[in-house]
Protein backbone atom coordinates (compact mmCIF):
# COMPACT_ATOMS: atom_id res chain seq x y z
CA MET A 1 -4.25 10.64 -0.03
CA ILE A 2 -7.21 9.75 2.17
CA PRO A 3 -6.59 11.21 5.65
CA ASP A 4 -7.13 9.31 8.90
CA GLN A 5 -6.19 5.91 7.48
CA TRP A 6 -3.59 3.24 8.19
CA TYR A 7 -1.30 2.95 5.14
CA ALA A 8 1.07 0.04 4.58
CA VAL A 9 4.29 1.96 3.88
CA LEU A 10 7.18 -0.48 4.37
CA SER A 11 7.97 -4.14 4.77
CA SER A 12 9.06 -5.06 8.27
CA GLY A 13 12.45 -6.28 7.06
CA GLN A 14 13.35 -2.90 5.60
CA VAL A 15 13.91 -1.32 9.03
CA LYS A 16 17.01 -2.95 10.54
CA PRO A 17 18.01 -2.76 14.23
CA GLY A 18 20.42 0.07 14.96
CA ARG A 19 20.14 1.63 11.48
CA PRO A 20 17.90 4.62 10.68
CA LEU A 21 16.08 4.42 7.35
CA GLY A 22 15.18 7.58 5.44
CA VAL A 23 12.41 7.31 2.85
CA THR A 24 9.72 9.45 1.25
CA ARG A 25 6.17 8.31 1.96
CA LEU A 26 2.83 10.10 1.54
CA GLY A 27 4.66 13.13 0.22
CA GLU A 28 6.90 13.53 3.29
CA LYS A 29 10.51 12.67 4.04
CA LEU A 30 10.47 10.33 7.03
CA VAL A 31 13.01 8.50 9.16
CA PHE A 32 12.26 5.05 10.62
CA TRP A 33 14.22 3.20 13.30
CA ARG A 34 13.84 0.42 15.85
CA ASP A 35 14.32 0.82 19.60
CA ARG A 36 16.10 -1.70 21.81
CA GLN A 37 12.92 -3.79 22.09
CA GLY A 38 12.62 -3.94 18.29
CA GLN A 39 9.62 -1.61 18.09
CA VAL A 40 9.61 0.62 15.03
CA HIS A 41 9.19 4.43 15.17
CA THR A 42 9.04 7.29 12.71
CA LEU A 43 9.54 11.05 12.67
CA ARG A 44 9.76 13.63 9.93
CA ASP A 45 13.28 13.40 8.58
CA PHE A 46 14.06 16.92 9.74
CA CYS A 47 15.85 18.24 12.80
CA PRO A 48 14.09 21.39 14.10
CA HIS A 49 17.47 22.95 14.92
CA HIS A 50 19.05 23.35 11.46
CA GLY A 51 16.88 21.19 9.19
CA VAL A 52 19.35 18.32 8.87
CA ALA A 53 18.09 14.87 7.84
CA LEU A 54 17.84 12.74 10.99
CA SER A 55 18.24 9.65 8.83
CA SER A 56 21.90 10.67 8.35
CA GLY A 57 22.41 10.30 12.10
CA LYS A 58 22.37 7.22 14.26
CA VAL A 59 20.27 5.31 16.75
CA VAL A 60 21.34 5.87 20.37
CA GLY A 61 19.45 3.56 22.71
CA ASP A 62 15.81 4.19 21.86
CA GLN A 63 16.48 7.66 20.41
CA ILE A 64 17.45 9.03 17.03
CA GLN A 65 20.49 11.35 17.09
CA CYS A 66 21.00 14.25 14.68
CA PRO A 67 24.40 13.98 12.96
CA PHE A 68 25.02 17.75 13.01
CA HIS A 69 24.95 18.76 16.69
CA GLY A 70 24.02 15.54 18.48
CA PHE A 71 20.44 16.49 19.42
CA GLU A 72 18.54 13.34 20.44
CA TYR A 73 14.84 12.78 19.90
CA ASP A 74 12.67 10.11 21.52
CA PRO A 75 9.96 8.19 19.63
CA SER A 76 7.39 10.92 20.43
CA GLY A 77 9.65 13.52 18.77
CA ARG A 78 10.61 15.23 22.03
CA CYS A 79 14.22 16.36 22.24
CA THR A 80 15.71 14.56 25.26
CA PHE A 81 19.34 15.64 24.96
CA LEU A 82 20.87 18.86 23.66
CA PRO A 83 24.65 18.53 24.11
CA ALA A 84 25.50 22.21 23.65
CA ILE A 85 23.60 23.28 26.79
CA GLY A 86 24.67 20.35 28.95
CA SER A 87 22.65 17.79 30.86
CA SER A 88 21.69 20.15 33.72
CA MET A 89 19.63 22.56 31.59
CA SER A 90 16.00 22.05 30.61
CA ILE A 91 15.37 21.70 26.88
CA PRO A 92 13.08 24.28 25.24
CA LYS A 93 9.76 22.80 24.08
CA GLN A 94 10.31 24.19 20.59
CA PHE A 95 12.65 21.29 19.88
CA GLN A 96 9.85 18.90 18.98
CA ALA A 97 9.97 16.76 15.85
CA GLN A 98 6.75 15.61 14.20
CA GLY A 99 5.92 11.93 14.18
CA TYR A 100 3.12 9.57 13.20
CA PRO A 101 1.59 6.52 14.89
CA LEU A 102 2.98 3.23 13.62
CA THR A 103 2.09 -0.40 14.02
CA GLU A 104 3.55 -3.57 12.57
CA ALA A 105 1.47 -6.51 11.35
CA HIS A 106 1.40 -9.11 8.57
CA GLY A 107 5.02 -8.29 7.66
CA PHE A 108 4.12 -4.65 6.93
CA ILE A 109 4.75 -1.41 8.79
CA PHE A 110 1.56 0.65 8.85
CA LEU A 111 1.58 4.44 9.31
CA TYR A 112 -1.50 6.35 10.45
CA TRP A 113 -1.68 9.42 8.23
CA GLY A 114 -3.96 12.04 9.70
CA SER A 115 -5.02 13.51 13.03
CA PRO A 116 -5.56 10.72 15.57
CA GLN A 117 -8.66 11.14 17.71
CA GLY A 118 -8.67 8.85 20.72
CA GLU A 119 -7.82 5.18 20.44
CA LEU A 120 -6.89 4.15 16.93
CA PRO A 121 -8.38 1.10 15.19
CA THR A 122 -6.12 -1.71 14.09
CA PRO A 123 -5.08 -1.72 10.42
CA ARG A 124 -7.32 -3.71 8.13
CA PHE A 125 -5.94 -6.77 6.34
CA PHE A 126 -7.20 -9.90 4.58
CA ASP A 127 -8.81 -12.24 7.11
CA ASN A 128 -8.35 -15.19 4.74
CA LEU A 129 -4.53 -15.00 4.92
CA ASP A 130 -2.83 -16.50 7.96
CA GLU A 131 0.45 -18.00 9.15
CA THR A 132 -0.15 -21.18 7.14
CA PHE A 133 0.88 -19.23 4.02
CA SER A 134 4.45 -18.46 3.02
CA TYR A 135 5.29 -15.59 0.71
CA ALA A 136 8.00 -13.86 -1.28
CA GLU A 137 8.04 -10.14 -1.97
CA ALA A 138 9.31 -7.64 -4.51
CA ILE A 139 9.29 -3.85 -4.24
CA ASP A 140 8.70 -2.17 -7.59
CA PRO A 141 8.90 1.60 -8.26
CA TRP A 142 6.27 3.22 -10.52
CA ARG A 143 6.23 6.75 -11.94
CA ALA A 144 2.53 7.02 -11.23
CA HIS A 145 0.19 8.24 -8.50
CA TYR A 146 -0.79 5.39 -6.22
CA SER A 147 -4.50 5.82 -7.10
CA ARG A 148 -3.75 4.99 -10.75
CA VAL A 149 -1.81 1.88 -9.75
CA ILE A 150 -4.75 0.75 -7.61
CA GLU A 151 -7.22 1.30 -10.43
CA ASN A 152 -5.08 -0.71 -12.82
CA GLN A 153 -5.51 -3.74 -10.55
CA LEU A 154 -9.29 -3.21 -10.51
CA ASP A 155 -9.47 -2.92 -14.31
CA VAL A 156 -10.65 -6.18 -15.85
CA ALA A 157 -11.04 -4.94 -19.45
CA HIS A 158 -7.33 -4.40 -20.14
CA LEU A 159 -6.27 -8.02 -19.68
CA PRO A 160 -6.40 -9.30 -23.29
CA PHE A 161 -4.51 -6.24 -24.55
CA VAL A 162 -1.86 -5.36 -21.97
CA HIS A 163 -1.37 -9.01 -20.97
CA TYR A 164 -1.97 -10.63 -24.35
CA ASN A 165 0.92 -13.09 -23.84
CA SER A 166 0.54 -13.74 -20.09
CA ILE A 167 -2.58 -13.66 -17.90
CA GLY A 168 -4.73 -12.21 -20.70
CA ARG A 169 -4.28 -14.99 -23.25
CA GLY A 170 -7.43 -16.32 -24.87
CA GLY A 171 -8.91 -13.19 -26.42
CA ARG A 172 -11.63 -12.74 -23.78
CA THR A 173 -12.38 -9.15 -24.76
CA VAL A 174 -16.06 -8.94 -23.76
CA VAL A 175 -16.65 -8.07 -20.10
CA ASP A 176 -19.84 -9.39 -18.55
CA GLY A 177 -20.40 -7.31 -15.43
CA PRO A 178 -18.05 -7.28 -13.62
CA LEU A 179 -19.85 -8.11 -10.39
CA LEU A 180 -18.87 -6.02 -7.38
CA GLU A 181 -19.81 -7.02 -3.84
CA TRP A 182 -19.15 -4.82 -0.81
CA VAL A 183 -18.02 -6.77 2.26
CA ASN A 184 -18.14 -3.67 4.47
CA ASP A 185 -17.66 0.08 4.08
CA ASN A 186 -13.94 -0.32 3.41
CA LYS A 187 -13.66 -3.59 1.49
CA PHE A 188 -15.14 -4.95 -1.71
CA LYS A 189 -14.75 -7.95 -3.98
CA VAL A 190 -14.74 -8.05 -7.78
CA PHE A 191 -15.82 -11.17 -9.67
CA VAL A 192 -14.56 -11.37 -13.24
CA PHE A 193 -16.67 -12.76 -16.11
CA ASN A 194 -14.61 -11.99 -19.23
CA ARG A 195 -15.34 -14.02 -22.39
CA GLN A 196 -14.67 -14.14 -26.11
CA ASP A 197 -16.88 -12.05 -28.38
CA ASP A 198 -19.71 -14.22 -29.72
CA GLY A 199 -21.81 -11.31 -30.93
CA SER A 200 -24.00 -11.11 -27.81
CA PRO A 201 -23.95 -7.94 -25.69
CA PRO A 202 -22.27 -7.88 -22.26
CA LEU A 203 -24.40 -9.05 -19.37
CA SER A 204 -25.12 -6.52 -16.66
CA PRO A 205 -23.98 -7.15 -13.07
CA ARG A 206 -27.62 -7.89 -12.11
CA GLN A 207 -27.57 -10.87 -14.49
CA LEU A 208 -24.54 -12.44 -12.83
CA ASP A 209 -24.11 -14.65 -9.78
CA SER A 210 -20.89 -15.13 -7.82
CA SER A 211 -22.04 -18.39 -6.22
CA GLY A 212 -19.43 -21.10 -6.58
CA ARG A 213 -16.83 -18.77 -8.08
CA GLU A 214 -13.58 -18.99 -6.14
CA PHE A 215 -11.39 -16.61 -8.17
CA HIS A 216 -11.95 -12.92 -7.42
CA LEU A 217 -10.20 -9.67 -6.54
CA GLU A 218 -10.39 -7.98 -3.14
CA PHE A 219 -9.60 -4.39 -2.23
CA ILE A 220 -9.24 -2.88 1.25
CA PHE A 221 -9.04 0.89 1.67
CA PRO A 222 -6.76 2.72 1.54
CA ASN A 223 -4.09 0.69 -0.30
CA LEU A 224 -4.30 -3.13 -0.11
CA TRP A 225 -5.34 -5.55 -2.88
CA GLN A 226 -5.55 -9.30 -3.22
CA ASN A 227 -5.90 -11.56 -6.22
CA TYR A 228 -7.68 -14.56 -4.71
CA ILE A 229 -6.59 -17.21 -7.18
CA SER A 230 -7.53 -20.19 -5.01
CA GLN A 231 -7.71 -21.20 -1.37
CA ASP A 232 -3.98 -21.94 -1.46
CA VAL A 233 -2.60 -19.32 -3.91
CA ARG A 234 -2.83 -15.52 -3.72
CA VAL A 235 -1.13 -12.42 -5.03
CA VAL A 236 -1.19 -9.44 -2.67
CA ALA A 237 -0.18 -5.86 -3.35
CA ALA A 238 0.30 -2.79 -1.19
CA PHE A 239 0.17 0.40 -3.26
CA VAL A 240 2.46 2.70 -1.29
CA PRO A 241 2.21 6.45 -1.94
CA VAL A 242 5.57 8.18 -2.31
CA ASP A 243 4.49 11.56 -3.72
CA GLU A 244 2.09 12.95 -6.30
CA GLU A 245 3.89 11.28 -9.21
CA HIS A 246 5.59 8.22 -7.71
CA SER A 247 4.53 5.12 -5.85
CA LEU A 248 5.89 1.75 -4.84
CA LEU A 249 4.23 -1.57 -5.55
CA TYR A 250 4.90 -4.04 -2.74
CA LEU A 251 4.05 -7.25 -4.56
CA ARG A 252 3.74 -10.59 -2.76
CA PHE A 253 3.08 -14.15 -3.89
CA TYR A 254 1.46 -16.29 -1.16
CA GLN A 255 1.04 -20.07 -1.24
CA ARG A 256 0.36 -22.94 1.15
CA PHE A 257 0.05 -26.02 -1.05
CA MET A 258 3.75 -26.67 -0.46
CA ARG A 259 4.39 -26.79 3.30
CA LEU A 260 8.02 -28.04 3.47
CA PRO A 261 9.96 -24.94 4.58
CA LEU A 262 12.86 -25.04 2.11
CA LEU A 263 10.72 -25.99 -0.87
CA SER A 264 8.05 -23.50 0.16
CA SER A 265 10.57 -20.65 0.25
CA LEU A 266 12.05 -21.69 -3.09
CA LEU A 267 8.63 -21.96 -4.72
CA THR A 268 7.48 -18.51 -3.64
CA ARG A 269 10.73 -16.93 -4.85
CA LEU A 270 10.55 -18.71 -8.21
CA ALA A 271 7.02 -17.33 -8.75
CA MET A 272 8.07 -13.70 -8.36
CA PRO A 273 9.75 -13.10 -11.77
CA PHE A 274 6.50 -13.94 -13.56
CA ASN A 275 4.44 -11.74 -11.23
CA LEU A 276 6.86 -8.87 -11.80
CA TYR A 277 6.73 -9.43 -15.56
CA VAL A 278 2.93 -9.05 -15.44
CA ALA A 279 3.23 -5.94 -13.25
CA HIS A 280 5.74 -4.39 -15.65
CA GLN A 281 3.35 -4.90 -18.56
CA ASP A 282 0.91 -2.76 -16.58
CA ARG A 283 3.51 -0.22 -15.50
CA VAL A 284 4.48 0.71 -19.07
CA VAL A 285 0.88 1.78 -19.76
CA VAL A 286 -0.13 3.26 -16.39
CA GLU A 287 2.88 5.59 -16.33
CA THR A 288 1.49 7.33 -19.44
CA GLN A 289 -1.92 8.17 -17.90
CA VAL A 290 -2.94 11.80 -17.41
CA PRO A 291 -3.88 13.37 -15.16
CA LYS A 292 -1.49 11.58 -12.83
CA ARG A 293 -3.95 11.40 -9.96
CA SER A 294 -7.32 9.71 -10.31
CA ASP A 295 -10.51 11.41 -9.17
CA LEU A 296 -14.26 11.30 -9.65
CA SER A 297 -14.43 14.03 -12.28
CA ILE A 298 -11.35 14.12 -14.49
CA GLY A 299 -13.05 14.07 -17.88
CA GLU A 300 -12.75 10.35 -18.61
CA LYS A 301 -15.52 8.55 -20.53
CA LEU A 302 -16.17 5.37 -18.56
CA ILE A 303 -18.00 2.17 -19.51
CA GLN A 304 -19.77 -0.65 -17.67
CA ALA A 305 -16.52 -2.61 -17.32
CA ASP A 306 -15.14 0.29 -15.25
CA GLN A 307 -17.59 -0.29 -12.37
CA PRO A 308 -14.86 -1.35 -9.88
CA ILE A 309 -12.89 1.80 -10.69
CA ILE A 310 -15.99 3.95 -10.28
CA ALA A 311 -16.72 2.30 -6.93
CA TYR A 312 -13.16 2.95 -5.78
CA ARG A 313 -13.31 6.62 -6.82
CA ARG A 314 -16.67 7.21 -5.16
CA ARG A 315 -15.67 5.65 -1.85
CA ARG A 316 -12.30 7.39 -1.88
CA ALA A 317 -14.04 10.75 -2.41
CA GLU A 318 -16.53 9.95 0.39
CA LEU A 319 -13.74 9.16 2.84
CA ILE A 320 -11.88 12.36 1.98
CA ASP A 321 -15.08 14.41 2.34
CA GLN A 322 -15.91 12.80 5.69
CA VAL A 323 -12.58 13.92 7.15
CA ALA A 324 -12.99 17.42 5.69
CA GLU A 325 -16.43 17.76 7.32
CA GLN A 326 -15.06 16.67 10.71
CA HIS A 327 -12.40 19.35 10.60
């Protein structure tokens, strides 16, 4: 994973009031809960006393209580109550659980994975999605490293083969470009120019122009992607790291051409089976890739059509190196 980044790790609705949630994210077992004001918190799912999973305990006020001996930890991870020594004794500082900064936005819970230095930035998201859109969501498990799942959604050459009977119909096997445009250091767009083979060689990105082209892909580091289908229709994905060989695809269908609440909700839900069908066509193939984790130098022989993947790998490596140099 890229350190010092905000990762979308859960949907807001997954953490219920009064109920701790234990999950594995970014290679760690974590417990999430909400305090009495509804704010979400997380700690490592591990009690420093005897290593019990805090997620098996319960929420007491704003604290999380260990189910074994009743130790209570506040959102900072500090033990605030140790029943066995009574309320009059001071609690040793060694009873400190590790936590991570969290914030909630756009229906996601974001976790800052790294070593915070000063005031943290706000998580990045798509500035062309707002409250005028409604969406439905599915959470799909993949036996693949999250970097491979990301790259699959940046791969424009696989469409006529993996998705021959869905979004890849038409036999557009030749890839002109694709054209990649950086919006800033952490976001880029990909414009797709696939076509049928007429015997002419693929055009280079320099020969292409994105002017007037509405459809494109967008990627925001470290783990957010958008298929910008039109002004009123989008598909969004959060590629959530679980561990080195597993990830979760948080897949959303957004629309705003239907504004009536009941019909809008029905429409977004009806669109999800098709979107999942397309994702599962990808999943069957991606789960076979080796090595599991993507990187700049893993022995693959890449082609012009892989430019978005190359751009992702280079920037990912740069971000990892930047953190390493700082520490």
